[in-house]
Amino acid sequence: MTIIGLWFGGFQALMPVIGYLLGVRFQSRITAIDHWIAFVL
């Protein structure tokens, strides 16, 4: 149970950080429609 929890929990924690770092690069260009992007995704 712990092994499975660590795999899934670890990746669920890592992926938003990677997405955040990617998103920050484009943030200034997309600020006007960011709420629509969040809504659609």
All heavy atoms as atom14 arrays in JSON, in Angstrom:
{
  "sequence": "MTIIGLWFGGFQALMPVIGYLLGVRFQSRITAIDHWIAFVL",
  "atom14_mask": [
    [1, 1, 1, 1, 1, 1, 1, 1, 0, 0, 0, 0, 0, 0],
    [1, 1, 1, 1, 1, 1, 1, 0, 0, 0, 0, 0, 0, 0],
    [1, 1, 1, 1, 1, 1, 1, 1, 0, 0, 0, 0, 0, 0],
    [1, 1, 1, 1, 1, 1, 1, 1, 0, 0, 0, 0, 0, 0],
    [1, 1, 1, 1, 0, 0, 0, 0, 0, 0, 0, 0, 0, 0],
    [1, 1, 1, 1, 1, 1, 1, 1, 0, 0, 0, 0, 0, 0],
    [1, 1, 1, 1, 1, 1, 1, 1, 1, 1, 1, 1, 1, 1],
    [1, 1, 1, 1, 1, 1, 1, 1, 1, 1, 1, 0, 0, 0],
    [1, 1, 1, 1, 0, 0, 0, 0, 0, 0, 0, 0, 0, 0],
    [1, 1, 1, 1, 0, 0, 0, 0, 0, 0, 0, 0, 0, 0],
    [1, 1, 1, 1, 1, 1, 1, 1, 1, 1, 1, 0, 0, 0],
    [1, 1, 1, 1, 1, 1, 1, 1, 1, 0, 0, 0, 0, 0],
    [1, 1, 1, 1, 1, 0, 0, 0, 0, 0, 0, 0, 0, 0],
    [1, 1, 1, 1, 1, 1, 1, 1, 0, 0, 0, 0, 0, 0],
    [1, 1, 1, 1, 1, 1, 1, 1, 0, 0, 0, 0, 0, 0],
    [1, 1, 1, 1, 1, 1, 1, 0, 0, 0, 0, 0, 0, 0],
    [1, 1, 1, 1, 1, 1, 1, 0, 0, 0, 0, 0, 0, 0],
    [1, 1, 1, 1, 1, 1, 1, 1, 0, 0, 0, 0, 0, 0],
    [1, 1, 1, 1, 0, 0, 0, 0, 0, 0, 0, 0, 0, 0],
    [1, 1, 1, 1, 1, 1, 1, 1, 1, 1, 1, 1, 0, 0],
    [1, 1, 1, 1, 1, 1, 1, 1, 0, 0, 0, 0, 0, 0],
    [1, 1, 1, 1, 1, 1, 1, 1, 0, 0, 0, 0, 0, 0],
    [1, 1, 1, 1, 0, 0, 0, 0, 0, 0, 0, 0, 0, 0],
    [1, 1, 1, 1, 1, 1, 1, 0, 0, 0, 0, 0, 0, 0],
    [1, 1, 1, 1, 1, 1, 1, 1, 1, 1, 1, 0, 0, 0],
    [1, 1, 1, 1, 1, 1, 1, 1, 1, 1, 1, 0, 0, 0],
    [1, 1, 1, 1, 1, 1, 1, 1, 1, 0, 0, 0, 0, 0],
    [1, 1, 1, 1, 1, 1, 0, 0, 0, 0, 0, 0, 0, 0],
    [1, 1, 1, 1, 1, 1, 1, 1, 1, 1, 1, 0, 0, 0],
    [1, 1, 1, 1, 1, 1, 1, 1, 0, 0, 0, 0, 0, 0],
    [1, 1, 1, 1, 1, 1, 1, 0, 0, 0, 0, 0, 0, 0],
    [1, 1, 1, 1, 1, 0, 0, 0, 0, 0, 0, 0, 0, 0],
    [1, 1, 1, 1, 1, 1, 1, 1, 0, 0, 0, 0, 0, 0],
    [1, 1, 1, 1, 1, 1, 1, 1, 0, 0, 0, 0, 0, 0],
    [1, 1, 1, 1, 1, 1, 1, 1, 1, 1, 0, 0, 0, 0],
    [1, 1, 1, 1, 1, 1, 1, 1, 1, 1, 1, 1, 1, 1],
    [1, 1, 1, 1, 1, 1, 1, 1, 0, 0, 0, 0, 0, 0],
    [1, 1, 1, 1, 1, 0, 0, 0, 0, 0, 0, 0, 0, 0],
    [1, 1, 1, 1, 1, 1, 1, 1, 1, 1, 1, 0, 0, 0],
    [1, 1, 1, 1, 1, 1, 1, 0, 0, 0, 0, 0, 0, 0],
    [1, 1, 1, 1, 1, 1, 1, 1, 0, 0, 0, 0, 0, 0]
  ],
  "atom14_positions": [
    [[0.84, -1.2, 0.0], [0.0, 0.0, 0.0], [0.88, 1.26, 0.0], [0.59, 2.23, -0.71], [-0.94, -0.01, 1.21], [-2.01, -1.09, 1.14], [-2.89, -1.41, 2.7], [-3.36, 0.2, 3.23], [0.0, 0.0, 0.0], [0.0, 0.0, 0.0], [0.0, 0.0, 0.0], [0.0, 0.0, 0.0], [0.0, 0.0, 0.0], [0.0, 0.0, 0.0]],
    [[1.97, 1.22, 0.78], [2.88, 2.36, 0.86], [3.61, 2.58, -0.45], [3.76, 3.72, -0.91], [3.88, 2.17, 2.02], [3.15, 2.0, 3.23], [4.8, 3.37, 2.15], [0.0, 0.0, 0.0], [0.0, 0.0, 0.0], [0.0, 0.0, 0.0], [0.0, 0.0, 0.0], [0.0, 0.0, 0.0], [0.0, 0.0, 0.0], [0.0, 0.0, 0.0]],
    [[4.07, 1.51, -1.08], [4.77, 1.62, -2.37], [3.85, 2.29, -3.4], [4.25, 3.22, -4.1], [5.25, 0.24, -2.86], [6.41, -0.26, -2.0], [5.66, 0.29, -4.33], [6.79, -1.72, -2.22], [0.0, 0.0, 0.0], [0.0, 0.0, 0.0], [0.0, 0.0, 0.0], [0.0, 0.0, 0.0], [0.0, 0.0, 0.0], [0.0, 0.0, 0.0]],
    [[2.63, 1.82, -3.49], [1.69, 2.39, -4.46], [1.38, 3.83, -4.11], [1.36, 4.71, -4.98], [0.41, 1.51, -4.53], [0.77, 0.17, -5.19], [-0.7, 2.22, -5.29], [-0.3, -0.89, -5.09], [0.0, 0.0, 0.0], [0.0, 0.0, 0.0], [0.0, 0.0, 0.0], [0.0, 0.0, 0.0], [0.0, 0.0, 0.0], [0.0, 0.0, 0.0]],
    [[1.18, 4.11, -2.83], [0.93, 5.49, -2.4], [2.08, 6.42, -2.73], [1.87, 7.56, -3.18], [0.0, 0.0, 0.0], [0.0, 0.0, 0.0], [0.0, 0.0, 0.0], [0.0, 0.0, 0.0], [0.0, 0.0, 0.0], [0.0, 0.0, 0.0], [0.0, 0.0, 0.0], [0.0, 0.0, 0.0], [0.0, 0.0, 0.0], [0.0, 0.0, 0.0]],
    [[3.31, 5.95, -2.53], [4.48, 6.78, -2.85], [4.61, 7.05, -4.34], [4.93, 8.17, -4.76], [5.76, 6.12, -2.31], [5.95, 6.18, -0.8], [7.14, 5.31, -0.37], [6.13, 7.62, -0.33], [0.0, 0.0, 0.0], [0.0, 0.0, 0.0], [0.0, 0.0, 0.0], [0.0, 0.0, 0.0], [0.0, 0.0, 0.0], [0.0, 0.0, 0.0]],
    [[4.4, 6.03, -5.16], [4.47, 6.23, -6.61], [3.43, 7.26, -7.07], [3.77, 8.24, -7.73], [4.22, 4.91, -7.36], [5.46, 4.11, -7.61], [5.85, 3.01, -6.93], [6.46, 4.35, -8.6], [7.04, 2.53, -7.44], [7.43, 3.34, -8.47], [6.64, 5.32, -9.59], [8.56, 3.27, -9.28], [7.75, 5.24, -10.41], [8.69, 4.23, -10.25]],
    [[2.18, 7.02, -6.71], [1.11, 7.9, -7.19], [1.19, 9.28, -6.53], [1.06, 10.3, -7.2], [-0.26, 7.27, -6.97], [-0.5, 6.06, -7.83], [-1.39, 5.08, -7.43], [0.13, 5.88, -9.04], [-1.64, 3.96, -8.21], [-0.1, 4.77, -9.84], [-0.99, 3.8, -9.42], [0.0, 0.0, 0.0], [0.0, 0.0, 0.0], [0.0, 0.0, 0.0]],
    [[1.41, 9.32, -5.23], [1.5, 10.6, -4.53], [2.7, 11.41, -4.99], [2.62, 12.62, -5.17], [0.0, 0.0, 0.0], [0.0, 0.0, 0.0], [0.0, 0.0, 0.0], [0.0, 0.0, 0.0], [0.0, 0.0, 0.0], [0.0, 0.0, 0.0], [0.0, 0.0, 0.0], [0.0, 0.0, 0.0], [0.0, 0.0, 0.0], [0.0, 0.0, 0.0]],
    [[3.83, 10.72, -5.2], [5.03, 11.42, -5.66], [4.85, 12.05, -7.03], [5.21, 13.22, -7.25], [0.0, 0.0, 0.0], [0.0, 0.0, 0.0], [0.0, 0.0, 0.0], [0.0, 0.0, 0.0], [0.0, 0.0, 0.0], [0.0, 0.0, 0.0], [0.0, 0.0, 0.0], [0.0, 0.0, 0.0], [0.0, 0.0, 0.0], [0.0, 0.0, 0.0]],
    [[4.27, 11.31, -7.94], [4.07, 11.86, -9.29], [2.98, 12.93, -9.3], [3.08, 13.91, -10.03], [3.77, 10.76, -10.3], [5.02, 10.22, -10.93], [5.81, 9.29, -10.25], [5.45, 10.66, -12.17], [6.98, 8.81, -10.81], [6.62, 10.19, -12.74], [7.39, 9.25, -12.05], [0.0, 0.0, 0.0], [0.0, 0.0, 0.0], [0.0, 0.0, 0.0]],
    [[1.95, 12.75, -8.47], [0.9, 13.78, -8.4], [1.45, 15.07, -7.81], [0.94, 16.14, -8.09], [-0.3, 13.29, -7.57], [-1.14, 12.27, -8.26], [-2.09, 12.84, -9.3], [-1.93, 13.95, -9.79], [-3.09, 12.06, -9.65], [0.0, 0.0, 0.0], [0.0, 0.0, 0.0], [0.0, 0.0, 0.0], [0.0, 0.0, 0.0], [0.0, 0.0, 0.0]],
    [[2.47, 15.0, -6.98], [3.11, 16.2, -6.44], [4.1, 16.81, -7.44], [4.21, 18.03, -7.55], [3.83, 15.87, -5.13], [0.0, 0.0, 0.0], [0.0, 0.0, 0.0], [0.0, 0.0, 0.0], [0.0, 0.0, 0.0], [0.0, 0.0, 0.0], [0.0, 0.0, 0.0], [0.0, 0.0, 0.0], [0.0, 0.0, 0.0], [0.0, 0.0, 0.0]],
    [[4.8, 15.96, -8.17], [5.81, 16.43, -9.12], [5.21, 17.1, -10.36], [5.68, 18.15, -10.81], [6.69, 15.25, -9.55], [7.75, 15.53, -10.62], [8.79, 16.5, -10.08], [8.4, 14.22, -11.06], [0.0, 0.0, 0.0], [0.0, 0.0, 0.0], [0.0, 0.0, 0.0], [0.0, 0.0, 0.0], [0.0, 0.0, 0.0], [0.0, 0.0, 0.0]],
    [[4.17, 16.51, -10.9], [3.61, 17.0, -12.16], [3.07, 18.44, -12.1], [3.29, 19.21, -13.04], [2.55, 16.05, -12.69], [3.13, 14.72, -13.13], [4.34, 14.9, -14.44], [3.77, 13.66, -15.56], [0.0, 0.0, 0.0], [0.0, 0.0, 0.0], [0.0, 0.0, 0.0], [0.0, 0.0, 0.0], [0.0, 0.0, 0.0], [0.0, 0.0, 0.0]],
    [[2.37, 18.85, -11.04], [1.93, 20.25, -11.0], [3.11, 21.22, -10.97], [3.03, 22.32, -11.53], [1.12, 20.36, -9.71], [0.78, 18.99, -9.33], [1.83, 18.1, -9.9], [0.0, 0.0, 0.0], [0.0, 0.0, 0.0], [0.0, 0.0, 0.0], [0.0, 0.0, 0.0], [0.0, 0.0, 0.0], [0.0, 0.0, 0.0], [0.0, 0.0, 0.0]],
    [[4.21, 20.82, -10.34], [5.4, 21.68, -10.3], [5.97, 21.84, -11.7], [6.3, 22.96, -12.13], [6.45, 21.11, -9.32], [7.75, 21.9, -9.39], [5.92, 21.09, -7.9], [0.0, 0.0, 0.0], [0.0, 0.0, 0.0], [0.0, 0.0, 0.0], [0.0, 0.0, 0.0], [0.0, 0.0, 0.0], [0.0, 0.0, 0.0], [0.0, 0.0, 0.0]],
    [[6.06, 20.74, -12.44], [6.54, 20.8, -13.82], [5.6, 21.67, -14.66], [6.05, 22.54, -15.42], [6.68, 19.39, -14.42], [7.79, 18.62, -13.71], [6.95, 19.46, -15.93], [7.85, 17.14, -14.06], [0.0, 0.0, 0.0], [0.0, 0.0, 0.0], [0.0, 0.0, 0.0], [0.0, 0.0, 0.0], [0.0, 0.0, 0.0], [0.0, 0.0, 0.0]],
    [[4.29, 21.45, -14.52], [3.32, 22.26, -15.25], [3.42, 23.74, -14.88], [3.34, 24.62, -15.75], [0.0, 0.0, 0.0], [0.0, 0.0, 0.0], [0.0, 0.0, 0.0], [0.0, 0.0, 0.0], [0.0, 0.0, 0.0], [0.0, 0.0, 0.0], [0.0, 0.0, 0.0], [0.0, 0.0, 0.0], [0.0, 0.0, 0.0], [0.0, 0.0, 0.0]],
    [[3.6, 24.01, -13.62], [3.73, 25.39, -13.14], [4.95, 26.06, -13.77], [4.86, 27.19, -14.26], [3.86, 25.38, -11.61], [4.03, 26.74, -11.0], [2.92, 27.53, -10.72], [5.29, 27.24, -10.68], [3.07, 28.78, -10.14], [5.45, 28.48, -10.11], [4.33, 29.25, -9.84], [4.48, 30.49, -9.28], [0.0, 0.0, 0.0], [0.0, 0.0, 0.0]],
    [[6.07, 25.35, -13.77], [7.29, 25.91, -14.36], [7.12, 26.17, -15.86], [7.62, 27.17, -16.38], [8.48, 24.99, -14.11], [8.88, 24.84, -12.63], [9.97, 23.78, -12.47], [9.32, 26.17, -12.05], [0.0, 0.0, 0.0], [0.0, 0.0, 0.0], [0.0, 0.0, 0.0], [0.0, 0.0, 0.0], [0.0, 0.0, 0.0], [0.0, 0.0, 0.0]],
    [[6.4, 25.31, -16.55], [6.11, 25.54, -17.97], [5.16, 26.73, -18.14], [5.36, 27.57, -19.01], [5.48, 24.29, -18.6], [6.37, 23.08, -18.76], [5.56, 21.87, -19.2], [7.49, 23.38, -19.76], [0.0, 0.0, 0.0], [0.0, 0.0, 0.0], [0.0, 0.0, 0.0], [0.0, 0.0, 0.0], [0.0, 0.0, 0.0], [0.0, 0.0, 0.0]],
    [[4.15, 26.78, -17.3], [3.16, 27.86, -17.39], [3.72, 29.23, -17.09], [3.33, 30.23, -17.7], [0.0, 0.0, 0.0], [0.0, 0.0, 0.0], [0.0, 0.0, 0.0], [0.0, 0.0, 0.0], [0.0, 0.0, 0.0], [0.0, 0.0, 0.0], [0.0, 0.0, 0.0], [0.0, 0.0, 0.0], [0.0, 0.0, 0.0], [0.0, 0.0, 0.0]],
    [[4.65, 29.31, -16.14], [5.26, 30.59, -15.77], [5.98, 31.2, -16.97], [5.98, 32.42, -17.14], [6.23, 30.4, -14.57], [7.13, 31.59, -14.39], [5.45, 30.13, -13.31], [0.0, 0.0, 0.0], [0.0, 0.0, 0.0], [0.0, 0.0, 0.0], [0.0, 0.0, 0.0], [0.0, 0.0, 0.0], [0.0, 0.0, 0.0], [0.0, 0.0, 0.0]],
    [[6.52, 30.37, -17.81], [7.24, 30.87, -18.99], [6.32, 31.62, -19.95], [6.75, 32.49, -20.69], [7.91, 29.72, -19.73], [8.95, 29.03, -18.85], [9.73, 28.09, -19.65], [10.66, 28.9, -20.44], [11.66, 28.44, -21.1], [11.88, 27.15, -21.11], [12.45, 29.22, -21.78], [0.0, 0.0, 0.0], [0.0, 0.0, 0.0], [0.0, 0.0, 0.0]],
    [[5.02, 31.25, -19.95], [4.07, 31.85, -20.88], [3.07, 32.78, -20.2], [2.21, 33.34, -20.85], [3.29, 30.74, -21.61], [4.19, 29.78, -22.33], [4.4, 28.51, -21.83], [4.86, 30.16, -23.48], [5.24, 27.62, -22.47], [5.71, 29.28, -24.14], [5.9, 28.0, -23.63], [0.0, 0.0, 0.0], [0.0, 0.0, 0.0], [0.0, 0.0, 0.0]],
    [[3.2, 32.93, -18.89], [2.22, 33.67, -18.11], [2.0, 35.1, -18.62], [0.87, 35.53, -18.78], [2.65, 33.71, -16.65], [1.68, 34.45, -15.75], [2.17, 34.47, -14.32], [3.31, 34.14, -14.03], [1.3, 34.87, -13.43], [0.0, 0.0, 0.0], [0.0, 0.0, 0.0], [0.0, 0.0, 0.0], [0.0, 0.0, 0.0], [0.0, 0.0, 0.0]],
    [[3.05, 35.81, -18.91], [2.92, 37.21, -19.32], [2.18, 37.36, -20.65], [1.51, 38.36, -20.89], [4.29, 37.88, -19.41], [5.07, 37.23, -20.39], [0.0, 0.0, 0.0], [0.0, 0.0, 0.0], [0.0, 0.0, 0.0], [0.0, 0.0, 0.0], [0.0, 0.0, 0.0], [0.0, 0.0, 0.0], [0.0, 0.0, 0.0], [0.0, 0.0, 0.0]],
    [[2.25, 36.36, -21.48], [1.6, 36.41, -22.79], [0.12, 36.02, -22.73], [-0.64, 36.35, -23.63], [2.3, 35.48, -23.77], [3.73, 35.88, -24.01], [4.39, 34.93, -24.98], [5.83, 35.11, -24.88], [6.7, 34.14, -24.87], [6.31, 32.9, -25.0], [7.97, 34.38, -24.76], [0.0, 0.0, 0.0], [0.0, 0.0, 0.0], [0.0, 0.0, 0.0]],
    [[-0.29, 35.33, -21.67], [-1.63, 34.76, -21.64], [-2.48, 35.28, -20.48], [-3.59, 34.82, -20.27], [-1.54, 33.22, -21.56], [-0.54, 32.68, -22.55], [-2.88, 32.59, -21.84], [-0.33, 31.19, -22.44], [0.0, 0.0, 0.0], [0.0, 0.0, 0.0], [0.0, 0.0, 0.0], [0.0, 0.0, 0.0], [0.0, 0.0, 0.0], [0.0, 0.0, 0.0]],
    [[-2.01, 36.24, -19.73], [-2.7, 36.7, -18.53], [-4.15, 37.09, -18.8], [-5.03, 36.84, -17.97], [-1.94, 37.88, -17.89], [-0.59, 37.48, -17.66], [-2.57, 38.29, -16.58], [0.0, 0.0, 0.0], [0.0, 0.0, 0.0], [0.0, 0.0, 0.0], [0.0, 0.0, 0.0], [0.0, 0.0, 0.0], [0.0, 0.0, 0.0], [0.0, 0.0, 0.0]],
    [[-4.44, 37.68, -19.93], [-5.81, 38.15, -20.22], [-6.81, 36.99, -20.35], [-8.01, 37.19, -20.12], [-5.81, 38.97, -21.49], [0.0, 0.0, 0.0], [0.0, 0.0, 0.0], [0.0, 0.0, 0.0], [0.0, 0.0, 0.0], [0.0, 0.0, 0.0], [0.0, 0.0, 0.0], [0.0, 0.0, 0.0], [0.0, 0.0, 0.0], [0.0, 0.0, 0.0]],
    [[-6.33, 35.81, -20.69], [-7.26, 34.68, -20.87], [-6.97, 33.51, -19.94], [-7.47, 32.41, -20.14], [-7.25, 34.2, -22.34], [-5.84, 33.76, -22.76], [-7.8, 35.24, -23.28], [-5.8, 33.0, -24.07], [0.0, 0.0, 0.0], [0.0, 0.0, 0.0], [0.0, 0.0, 0.0], [0.0, 0.0, 0.0], [0.0, 0.0, 0.0], [0.0, 0.0, 0.0]],
    [[-6.16, 33.76, -18.89], [-5.75, 32.67, -18.01], [-6.92, 31.94, -17.37], [-6.91, 30.72, -17.23], [-4.78, 33.16, -16.94], [-5.36, 34.27, -16.08], [-6.53, 34.67, -16.27], [-4.62, 34.74, -15.19], [0.0, 0.0, 0.0], [0.0, 0.0, 0.0], [0.0, 0.0, 0.0], [0.0, 0.0, 0.0], [0.0, 0.0, 0.0], [0.0, 0.0, 0.0]],
    [[-7.97, 32.67, -17.0], [-9.14, 32.04, -16.37], [-9.86, 31.11, -17.35], [-10.39, 30.08, -16.96], [-10.08, 33.1, -15.82], [-10.47, 34.14, -16.82], [-9.6, 35.12, -17.25], [-11.61, 34.32, -17.49], [-10.21, 35.87, -18.15], [-11.43, 35.41, -18.32], [0.0, 0.0, 0.0], [0.0, 0.0, 0.0], [0.0, 0.0, 0.0], [0.0, 0.0, 0.0]],
    [[-9.86, 31.48, -18.63], [-10.48, 30.62, -19.64], [-9.65, 29.36, -19.84], [-10.19, 28.26, -20.04], [-10.64, 31.37, -20.96], [-11.72, 32.4, -20.9], [-11.55, 33.75, -20.78], [-13.13, 32.16, -20.91], [-12.78, 34.36, -20.73], [-13.77, 33.42, -20.81], [-13.92, 31.03, -20.99], [-15.14, 33.55, -20.79], [-15.3, 31.17, -20.98], [-15.9, 32.42, -20.88]],
    [[-8.32, 29.49, -19.79], [-7.44, 28.33, -19.92], [-7.68, 27.36, -18.77], [-7.83, 26.15, -18.98], [-5.96, 28.76, -19.99], [-5.7, 29.53, -21.29], [-5.03, 27.55, -19.86], [-4.34, 30.19, -21.37], [0.0, 0.0, 0.0], [0.0, 0.0, 0.0], [0.0, 0.0, 0.0], [0.0, 0.0, 0.0], [0.0, 0.0, 0.0], [0.0, 0.0, 0.0]],
    [[-7.73, 27.89, -17.55], [-8.0, 27.04, -16.37], [-9.35, 26.35, -16.51], [-9.48, 25.15, -16.26], [-7.96, 27.88, -15.1], [0.0, 0.0, 0.0], [0.0, 0.0, 0.0], [0.0, 0.0, 0.0], [0.0, 0.0, 0.0], [0.0, 0.0, 0.0], [0.0, 0.0, 0.0], [0.0, 0.0, 0.0], [0.0, 0.0, 0.0], [0.0, 0.0, 0.0]],
    [[-10.36, 27.1, -16.93], [-11.7, 26.56, -17.11], [-11.72, 25.43, -18.14], [-12.26, 24.34, -17.88], [-12.65, 27.69, -17.53], [-14.01, 27.24, -17.97], [-14.92, 26.73, -17.06], [-14.38, 27.32, -19.31], [-16.18, 26.31, -17.47], [-15.64, 26.91, -19.73], [-16.54, 26.4, -18.8], [0.0, 0.0, 0.0], [0.0, 0.0, 0.0], [0.0, 0.0, 0.0]],
    [[-11.1, 25.66, -19.28], [-11.09, 24.66, -20.36], [-10.29, 23.42, -19.95], [-10.75, 22.28, -20.13], [-10.55, 25.27, -21.68], [-10.28, 24.2, -22.71], [-11.54, 26.29, -22.22], [0.0, 0.0, 0.0], [0.0, 0.0, 0.0], [0.0, 0.0, 0.0], [0.0, 0.0, 0.0], [0.0, 0.0, 0.0], [0.0, 0.0, 0.0], [0.0, 0.0, 0.0]],
    [[-9.08, 23.62, -19.4], [-8.26, 22.47, -19.01], [-8.94, 21.62, -17.94], [-9.02, 20.4, -18.08], [-6.89, 22.93, -18.5], [-5.89, 23.39, -19.55], [-4.61, 23.92, -18.89], [-5.54, 22.25, -20.5], [0.0, 0.0, 0.0], [0.0, 0.0, 0.0], [0.0, 0.0, 0.0], [0.0, 0.0, 0.0], [0.0, 0.0, 0.0], [0.0, 0.0, 0.0]]
  ]
}
